[in-house]
PDB file of N, CA and C in Angstrom:
ATOM      1  N   UNK A   1       0.852  -1.190   0.000  1.00  0.00           N
ATOM      2  CA  UNK A   1       0.000   0.000   0.000  1.00  0.00           C
ATOM      3  C   UNK A   1       0.890   1.243   0.000  1.00  0.00           C
ATOM      4  N   UNK A   2       0.626   2.169  -0.901  1.00  0.00           N
ATOM      5  CA  UNK A   2       1.408   3.396  -0.979  1.00  0.00           C
ATOM      6  C   UNK A   2       1.037   4.364   0.128  1.00  0.00           C
ATOM      7  N   UNK A   3       1.957   5.217   0.437  1.00  0.00           N
ATOM      8  CA  UNK A   3       1.708   6.205   1.470  1.00  0.00           C
ATOM      9  C   UNK A   3       0.852   7.327   0.911  1.00  0.00           C
ATOM     10  N   UNK A   4       0.043   7.899   1.757  1.00  0.00           N
ATOM     11  CA  UNK A   4      -0.786   9.045   1.386  1.00  0.00           C
ATOM     12  C   UNK A   4       0.074  10.285   1.276  1.00  0.00           C
ATOM     13  N   UNK A   5      -0.091  11.010   0.195  1.00  0.00           N
ATOM     14  CA  UNK A   5       0.535  12.324   0.047  1.00  0.00           C
ATOM     15  C   UNK A   5       2.007  12.314   0.499  1.00  0.00           C
ATOM     16  N   UNK A   6       2.880  11.634  -0.231  1.00  0.00           N
ATOM     17  CA  UNK A   6       4.261  11.441   0.242  1.00  0.00           C
ATOM     18  C   UNK A   6       5.009  12.728   0.588  1.00  0.00           C
ATOM     19  N   UNK A   7       4.850  13.779  -0.190  1.00  0.00           N
ATOM     20  CA  UNK A   7       5.566  15.024   0.111  1.00  0.00           C
ATOM     21  C   UNK A   7       5.035  15.666   1.397  1.00  0.00           C
ATOM     22  N   UNK A   8       3.716  15.717   1.520  1.00  0.00           N
ATOM     23  CA  UNK A   8       3.098  16.275   2.724  1.00  0.00           C
ATOM     24  C   UNK A   8       3.471  15.425   3.940  1.00  0.00           C
ATOM     25  N   UNK A   9       3.441  14.113   3.771  1.00  0.00           N
ATOM     26  CA  UNK A   9       3.806  13.191   4.856  1.00  0.00           C
ATOM     27  C   UNK A   9       5.247  13.448   5.306  1.00  0.00           C
ATOM     28  N   UNK A  10       6.144  13.620   4.362  1.00  0.00           N
ATOM     29  CA  UNK A  10       7.549  13.881   4.689  1.00  0.00           C
ATOM     30  C   UNK A  10       7.693  15.183   5.472  1.00  0.00           C
ATOM     31  N   UNK A  11       6.954  16.205   5.082  1.00  0.00           N
ATOM     32  CA  UNK A  11       6.995  17.491   5.803  1.00  0.00           C
ATOM     33  C   UNK A  11       6.482  17.343   7.229  1.00  0.00           C
ATOM     34  N   UNK A  12       5.371  16.640   7.383  1.00  0.00           N
ATOM     35  CA  UNK A  12       4.777  16.436   8.704  1.00  0.00           C
ATOM     36  C   UNK A  12       5.731  15.638   9.591  1.00  0.00           C
ATOM     37  N   UNK A  13       6.346  14.619   9.038  1.00  0.00           N
ATOM     38  CA  UNK A  13       7.273  13.805   9.827  1.00  0.00           C
ATOM     39  C   UNK A  13       8.520  14.605  10.198  1.00  0.00           C
ATOM     40  N   UNK A  14       8.985  15.467   9.317  1.00  0.00           N
ATOM     41  CA  UNK A  14      10.130  16.327   9.645  1.00  0.00           C
ATOM     42  C   UNK A  14       9.787  17.233  10.830  1.00  0.00           C
ATOM     43  N   UNK A  15       8.586  17.768  10.852  1.00  0.00           N
ATOM     44  CA  UNK A  15       8.145  18.610  11.968  1.00  0.00           C
ATOM     45  C   UNK A  15       8.052  17.765  13.240  1.00  0.00           C
ATOM     46  N   UNK A  16       7.506  16.576  13.116  1.00  0.00           N
ATOM     47  CA  UNK A  16       7.404  15.662  14.256  1.00  0.00           C
ATOM     48  C   UNK A  16       8.795  15.324  14.803  1.00  0.00           C
ATOM     49  N   UNK A  17       9.746  15.083  13.928  1.00  0.00           N
ATOM     50  CA  UNK A  17      11.106  14.725  14.357  1.00  0.00           C
ATOM     51  C   UNK A  17      11.820  15.905  15.017  1.00  0.00           C
ATOM     52  N   UNK A  18      11.374  17.123  14.743  1.00  0.00           N
ATOM     53  CA  UNK A  18      11.976  18.267  15.430  1.00  0.00           C
ATOM     54  C   UNK A  18      11.584  18.270  16.909  1.00  0.00           C
ATOM     55  N   UNK A  19      10.478  17.608  17.234  1.00  0.00           N
ATOM     56  CA  UNK A  19      10.004  17.513  18.612  1.00  0.00           C
ATOM     57  C   UNK A  19      10.413  16.174  19.234  1.00  0.00           C
ATOM     58  N   UNK A  20      10.377  15.127  18.428  1.00  0.00           N
ATOM     59  CA  UNK A  20      10.722  13.777  18.890  1.00  0.00           C
ATOM     60  C   UNK A  20      11.728  13.168  17.911  1.00  0.00           C
ATOM     61  N   UNK A  21      13.009  13.504  18.061  1.00  0.00           N
ATOM     62  CA  UNK A  21      14.030  13.090  17.090  1.00  0.00           C
ATOM     63  C   UNK A  21      14.190  11.580  16.936  1.00  0.00           C
ATOM     64  N   UNK A  22      13.726  10.830  17.914  1.00  0.00           N
ATOM     65  CA  UNK A  22      13.861   9.374  17.855  1.00  0.00           C
ATOM     66  C   UNK A  22      12.853   8.700  16.932  1.00  0.00           C
ATOM     67  N   UNK A  23      11.902   9.436  16.417  1.00  0.00           N
ATOM     68  CA  UNK A  23      10.855   8.878  15.557  1.00  0.00           C
ATOM     69  C   UNK A  23      11.462   8.289  14.284  1.00  0.00           C
ATOM     70  N   UNK A  24      11.057   7.067  13.990  1.00  0.00           N
ATOM     71  CA  UNK A  24      11.461   6.392  12.755  1.00  0.00           C
ATOM     72  C   UNK A  24      10.298   6.469  11.776  1.00  0.00           C
ATOM     73  N   UNK A  25      10.450   7.223  10.720  1.00  0.00           N
ATOM     74  CA  UNK A  25       9.369   7.445   9.759  1.00  0.00           C
ATOM     75  C   UNK A  25       8.832   6.143   9.181  1.00  0.00           C
ATOM     76  N   UNK A  26       9.709   5.186   8.929  1.00  0.00           N
ATOM     77  CA  UNK A  26       9.295   3.919   8.324  1.00  0.00           C
ATOM     78  C   UNK A  26       8.400   3.089   9.237  1.00  0.00           C
ATOM     79  N   UNK A  27       8.437   3.370  10.527  1.00  0.00           N
ATOM     80  CA  UNK A  27       7.652   2.596  11.485  1.00  0.00           C
ATOM     81  C   UNK A  27       6.276   3.201  11.759  1.00  0.00           C
ATOM     82  N   UNK A  28       6.034   4.402  11.289  1.00  0.00           N
ATOM     83  CA  UNK A  28       4.748   5.063  11.546  1.00  0.00           C
ATOM     84  C   UNK A  28       3.660   4.486  10.646  1.00  0.00           C
ATOM     85  N   UNK A  29       2.532   4.194  11.258  1.00  0.00           N
ATOM     86  CA  UNK A  29       1.381   3.705  10.498  1.00  0.00           C
ATOM     87  C   UNK A  29       0.335   4.805  10.429  1.00  0.00           C
ATOM     88  N   UNK A  30      -0.267   4.950   9.265  1.00  0.00           N
ATOM     89  CA  UNK A  30      -1.263   6.001   9.056  1.00  0.00           C
ATOM     90  C   UNK A  30      -2.573   5.741   9.789  1.00  0.00           C
ATOM     91  N   UNK A  31      -2.825   4.496  10.190  1.00  0.00           N
ATOM     92  CA  UNK A  31      -4.126   4.131  10.754  1.00  0.00           C
ATOM     93  C   UNK A  31      -4.114   3.915  12.267  1.00  0.00           C
ATOM     94  N   UNK A  32      -3.012   4.212  12.938  1.00  0.00           N
ATOM     95  CA  UNK A  32      -2.932   4.070  14.390  1.00  0.00           C
ATOM     96  C   UNK A  32      -2.765   5.441  15.035  1.00  0.00           C
ATOM     97  N   UNK A  33      -3.283   5.620  16.257  1.00  0.00           N
ATOM     98  CA  UNK A  33      -3.140   6.923  16.921  1.00  0.00           C
ATOM     99  C   UNK A  33      -1.676   7.363  16.972  1.00  0.00           C
ATOM    100  N   UNK A  34      -1.421   8.519  16.428  1.00  0.00           N
ATOM    101  CA  UNK A  34      -0.060   9.008  16.286  1.00  0.00           C
ATOM    102  C   UNK A  34       0.600   9.273  17.641  1.00  0.00           C
ATOM    103  N   UNK A  35      -0.122   9.867  18.558  1.00  0.00           N
ATOM    104  CA  UNK A  35       0.467  10.173  19.869  1.00  0.00           C
ATOM    105  C   UNK A  35       0.931   8.909  20.571  1.00  0.00           C
ATOM    106  N   UNK A  36       0.203   7.826  20.412  1.00  0.00           N
ATOM    107  CA  UNK A  36       0.600   6.566  21.049  1.00  0.00           C
ATOM    108  C   UNK A  36       1.818   5.960  20.352  1.00  0.00           C
ATOM    109  N   UNK A  37       1.887   6.116  19.046  1.00  0.00           N
ATOM    110  CA  UNK A  37       3.021   5.549  18.305  1.00  0.00           C
ATOM    111  C   UNK A  37       4.340   6.214  18.678  1.00  0.00           C
ATOM    112  N   UNK A  38       4.287   7.495  18.944  1.00  0.00           N
ATOM    113  CA  UNK A  38       5.528   8.224  19.226  1.00  0.00           C
ATOM    114  C   UNK A  38       5.618   8.704  20.675  1.00  0.00           C
ATOM    115  N   UNK A  39       4.643   8.339  21.480  1.00  0.00           N
ATOM    116  CA  UNK A  39       4.652   8.638  22.906  1.00  0.00           C
ATOM    117  C   UNK A  39       4.842  10.126  23.204  1.00  0.00           C
ATOM    118  N   UNK A  40       3.963  10.940  22.624  1.00  0.00           N
ATOM    119  CA  UNK A  40       4.004  12.384  22.873  1.00  0.00           C
ATOM    120  C   UNK A  40       3.056  12.742  24.008  1.00  0.00           C
ATOM    121  N   UNK A  41       3.524  13.593  24.905  1.00  0.00           N
ATOM    122  CA  UNK A  41       2.615  14.096  25.927  1.00  0.00           C
ATOM    123  C   UNK A  41       1.795  15.242  25.317  1.00  0.00           C
ATOM    124  N   UNK A  42       0.867  15.763  26.073  1.00  0.00           N
ATOM    125  CA  UNK A  42      -0.045  16.776  25.526  1.00  0.00           C
ATOM    126  C   UNK A  42       0.691  18.049  25.107  1.00  0.00           C
ATOM    127  N   UNK A  43       1.728  18.418  25.822  1.00  0.00           N
ATOM    128  CA  UNK A  43       2.485  19.628  25.460  1.00  0.00           C
ATOM    129  C   UNK A  43       3.254  19.416  24.154  1.00  0.00           C
ATOM    130  N   UNK A  44       3.879  18.242  24.009  1.00  0.00           N
ATOM    131  CA  UNK A  44       4.581  17.935  22.759  1.00  0.00           C
ATOM    132  C   UNK A  44       3.612  17.886  21.586  1.00  0.00           C
ATOM    133  N   UNK A  45       2.433  17.319  21.824  1.00  0.00           N
ATOM    134  CA  UNK A  45       1.422  17.241  20.758  1.00  0.00           C
ATOM    135  C   UNK A  45       0.996  18.645  20.328  1.00  0.00           C
ATOM    136  N   UNK A  46       0.771  19.506  21.301  1.00  0.00           N
ATOM    137  CA  UNK A  46       0.402  20.887  21.001  1.00  0.00           C
ATOM    138  C   UNK A  46       1.523  21.577  20.218  1.00  0.00           C
ATOM    139  N   UNK A  47       2.763  21.391  20.645  1.00  0.00           N
ATOM    140  CA  UNK A  47       3.896  21.978  19.922  1.00  0.00           C
ATOM    141  C   UNK A  47       4.002  21.431  18.506  1.00  0.00           C
ATOM    142  N   UNK A  48       3.691  20.169  18.326  1.00  0.00           N
ATOM    143  CA  UNK A  48       3.683  19.545  17.004  1.00  0.00           C
ATOM    144  C   UNK A  48       2.637  20.207  16.106  1.00  0.00           C
ATOM    145  N   UNK A  49       1.424  20.374  16.606  1.00  0.00           N
ATOM    146  CA  UNK A  49       0.359  20.992  15.806  1.00  0.00           C
ATOM    147  C   UNK A  49       0.672  22.463  15.505  1.00  0.00           C
ATOM    148  N   UNK A  50       1.249  23.161  16.461  1.00  0.00           N
ATOM    149  CA  UNK A  50       1.651  24.554  16.231  1.00  0.00           C
ATOM    150  C   UNK A  50       2.756  24.599  15.175  1.00  0.00           C
ATOM    151  N   UNK A  51       3.688  23.668  15.269  1.00  0.00           N
ATOM    152  CA  UNK A  51       4.762  23.592  14.275  1.00  0.00           C
ATOM    153  C   UNK A  51       4.233  23.356  12.878  1.00  0.00           C
ATOM    154  N   UNK A  52       3.260  22.474  12.756  1.00  0.00           N
ATOM    155  CA  UNK A  52       2.634  22.224  11.450  1.00  0.00           C
ATOM    156  C   UNK A  52       1.986  23.501  10.950  1.00  0.00           C
ATOM    157  N   UNK A  53       1.239  24.150  11.821  1.00  0.00           N
ATOM    158  CA  UNK A  53       0.540  25.380  11.449  1.00  0.00           C
ATOM    159  C   UNK A  53       1.519  26.434  10.940  1.00  0.00           C
ATOM    160  N   UNK A  54       2.625  26.603  11.661  1.00  0.00           N
ATOM    161  CA  UNK A  54       3.609  27.621  11.277  1.00  0.00           C
ATOM    162  C   UNK A  54       4.380  27.241  10.017  1.00  0.00           C
ATOM    163  N   UNK A  55       4.840  26.012   9.942  1.00  0.00           N
ATOM    164  CA  UNK A  55       5.659  25.579   8.806  1.00  0.00           C
ATOM    165  C   UNK A  55       4.869  25.505   7.503  1.00  0.00           C
ATOM    166  N   UNK A  56       3.647  24.985   7.597  1.00  0.00           N
ATOM    167  CA  UNK A  56       2.842  24.786   6.392  1.00  0.00           C
ATOM    168  C   UNK A  56       1.896  25.954   6.121  1.00  0.00           C
ATOM    169  N   UNK A  57       1.927  26.944   7.003  1.00  0.00           N
ATOM    170  CA  UNK A  57       1.073  28.134   6.835  1.00  0.00           C
ATOM    171  C   UNK A  57      -0.408  27.763   6.706  1.00  0.00           C
ATOM    172  N   UNK A  58      -0.861  26.930   7.651  1.00  0.00           N
ATOM    173  CA  UNK A  58      -2.246  26.494   7.660  1.00  0.00           C
ATOM    174  C   UNK A  58      -2.810  26.693   9.070  1.00  0.00           C
ATOM    175  N   UNK A  59      -4.021  27.188   9.127  1.00  0.00           N
ATOM    176  CA  UNK A  59      -4.673  27.400  10.417  1.00  0.00           C
ATOM    177  C   UNK A  59      -5.307  26.097  10.888  1.00  0.00           C
ATOM    178  N   UNK A  60      -4.974  25.699  12.113  1.00  0.00           N
ATOM    179  CA  UNK A  60      -5.592  24.518  12.715  1.00  0.00           C
ATOM    180  C   UNK A  60      -6.290  24.982  13.987  1.00  0.00           C
ATOM    181  N   UNK A  61      -7.599  25.235  13.906  1.00  0.00           N
ATOM    182  CA  UNK A  61      -8.325  25.691  15.096  1.00  0.00           C
ATOM    183  C   UNK A  61      -8.307  24.628  16.193  1.00  0.00           C
ATOM    184  N   UNK A  62      -8.254  25.080  17.413  1.00  0.00           N
ATOM    185  CA  UNK A  62      -8.236  24.164  18.556  1.00  0.00           C
ATOM    186  C   UNK A  62      -9.426  23.208  18.529  1.00  0.00           C
ATOM    187  N   UNK A  63     -10.538  23.657  18.009  1.00  0.00           N
ATOM    188  CA  UNK A  63     -11.734  22.810  17.923  1.00  0.00           C
ATOM    189  C   UNK A  63     -11.505  21.578  17.038  1.00  0.00           C
ATOM    190  N   UNK A  64     -10.527  21.638  16.140  1.00  0.00           N
ATOM    191  CA  UNK A  64     -10.249  20.517  15.241  1.00  0.00           C
ATOM    192  C   UNK A  64      -9.231  19.527  15.803  1.00  0.00           C
ATOM    193  N   UNK A  65      -8.580  19.849  16.890  1.00  0.00           N
ATOM    194  CA  UNK A  65      -7.526  18.983  17.431  1.00  0.00           C
ATOM    195  C   UNK A  65      -8.019  17.558  17.666  1.00  0.00           C
ATOM    196  N   UNK A  66      -9.239  17.411  18.144  1.00  0.00           N
ATOM    197  CA  UNK A  66      -9.792  16.092  18.444  1.00  0.00           C
ATOM    198  C   UNK A  66      -9.962  15.201  17.227  1.00  0.00           C
ATOM    199  N   UNK A  67     -10.035  15.797  16.046  1.00  0.00           N
ATOM    200  CA  UNK A  67     -10.184  15.018  14.805  1.00  0.00           C
ATOM    201  C   UNK A  67      -8.853  14.491  14.302  1.00  0.00           C
ATOM    202  N   UNK A  68      -7.772  15.015  14.815  1.00  0.00           N
ATOM    203  CA  UNK A  68      -6.440  14.706  14.311  1.00  0.00           C
ATOM    204  C   UNK A  68      -5.785  13.631  15.177  1.00  0.00           C
ATOM    205  N   UNK A  69      -6.258  12.408  15.027  1.00  0.00           N
ATOM    206  CA  UNK A  69      -5.808  11.316  15.880  1.00  0.00           C
ATOM    207  C   UNK A  69      -4.706  10.497  15.207  1.00  0.00           C
ATOM    208  N   UNK A  70      -4.959  10.079  13.986  1.00  0.00           N
ATOM    209  CA  UNK A  70      -3.990   9.251  13.277  1.00  0.00           C
ATOM    210  C   UNK A  70      -3.213  10.111  12.280  1.00  0.00           C
ATOM    211  N   UNK A  71      -2.106   9.586  11.806  1.00  0.00           N
ATOM    212  CA  UNK A  71      -1.349  10.282  10.771  1.00  0.00           C
ATOM    213  C   UNK A  71      -2.211  10.432   9.527  1.00  0.00           C
ATOM    214  N   UNK A  72      -3.009   9.418   9.218  1.00  0.00           N
ATOM    215  CA  UNK A  72      -3.921   9.493   8.077  1.00  0.00           C
ATOM    216  C   UNK A  72      -4.937  10.612   8.224  1.00  0.00           C
ATOM    217  N   UNK A  73      -5.525  10.737   9.436  1.00  0.00           N
ATOM    218  CA  UNK A  73      -6.474  11.838   9.707  1.00  0.00           C
ATOM    219  C   UNK A  73      -5.807  13.180   9.482  1.00  0.00           C
ATOM    220  N   UNK A  74      -4.611  13.302   9.999  1.00  0.00           N
ATOM    221  CA  UNK A  74      -3.875  14.557   9.914  1.00  0.00           C
ATOM    222  C   UNK A  74      -3.541  14.905   8.466  1.00  0.00           C
ATOM    223  N   UNK A  75      -3.080  13.920   7.708  1.00  0.00           N
ATOM    224  CA  UNK A  75      -2.741  14.168   6.302  1.00  0.00           C
ATOM    225  C   UNK A  75      -3.966  14.541   5.483  1.00  0.00           C
ATOM    226  N   UNK A  76      -5.081  13.841   5.702  1.00  0.00           N
ATOM    227  CA  UNK A  76      -6.330  14.173   4.991  1.00  0.00           C
ATOM    228  C   UNK A  76      -6.773  15.589   5.337  1.00  0.00           C
ATOM    229  N   UNK A  77      -6.699  15.927   6.612  1.00  0.00           N
ATOM    230  CA  UNK A  77      -7.099  17.255   7.086  1.00  0.00           C
ATOM    231  C   UNK A  77      -6.231  18.333   6.439  1.00  0.00           C
ATOM    232  N   UNK A  78      -4.922  18.119   6.475  1.00  0.00           N
ATOM    233  CA  UNK A  78      -4.007  19.117   5.905  1.00  0.00           C
ATOM    234  C   UNK A  78      -4.176  19.229   4.399  1.00  0.00           C
ATOM    235  N   UNK A  79      -4.372  18.115   3.730  1.00  0.00           N
ATOM    236  CA  UNK A  79      -4.551  18.131   2.277  1.00  0.00           C
ATOM    237  C   UNK A  79      -5.780  18.982   1.918  1.00  0.00           C
ATOM    238  N   UNK A  80      -6.863  18.803   2.673  1.00  0.00           N
ATOM    239  CA  UNK A  80      -8.076  19.581   2.421  1.00  0.00           C
ATOM    240  C   UNK A  80      -7.838  21.068   2.680  1.00  0.00           C
ATOM    241  N   UNK A  81      -7.109  21.387   3.738  1.00  0.00           N
ATOM    242  CA  UNK A  81      -6.826  22.783   4.074  1.00  0.00           C
ATOM    243  C   UNK A  81      -5.900  23.448   3.056  1.00  0.00           C
ATOM    244  N   UNK A  82      -4.970  22.671   2.516  1.00  0.00           N
ATOM    245  CA  UNK A  82      -3.974  23.217   1.609  1.00  0.00           C
ATOM    246  C   UNK A  82      -4.434  23.249   0.148  1.00  0.00           C
ATOM    247  N   UNK A  83      -5.566  22.625  -0.131  1.00  0.00           N
ATOM    248  CA  UNK A  83      -6.068  22.586  -1.518  1.00  0.00           C
ATOM    249  C   UNK A  83      -6.775  23.844  -1.919  1.00  0.00           C
TER     250      UNK A  83
END
């Protein structure tokens, strides 16, 4: 199975690795909760979402945070926002 939006995925993972450098991109699954896969606490998760917002120049309202559970959810959300 091919990865969703490979360029966008690479950007998101680069931002994630700036917060959690130990993350192995090849081990991340798009269909599992991302915070559990990389063991991010709530502050790291918030910093990750802020980093995405700043780097990709996309607004992510706090009300949408609950929808962004898996890497797949996040990529679909960002793709829609960036289109």
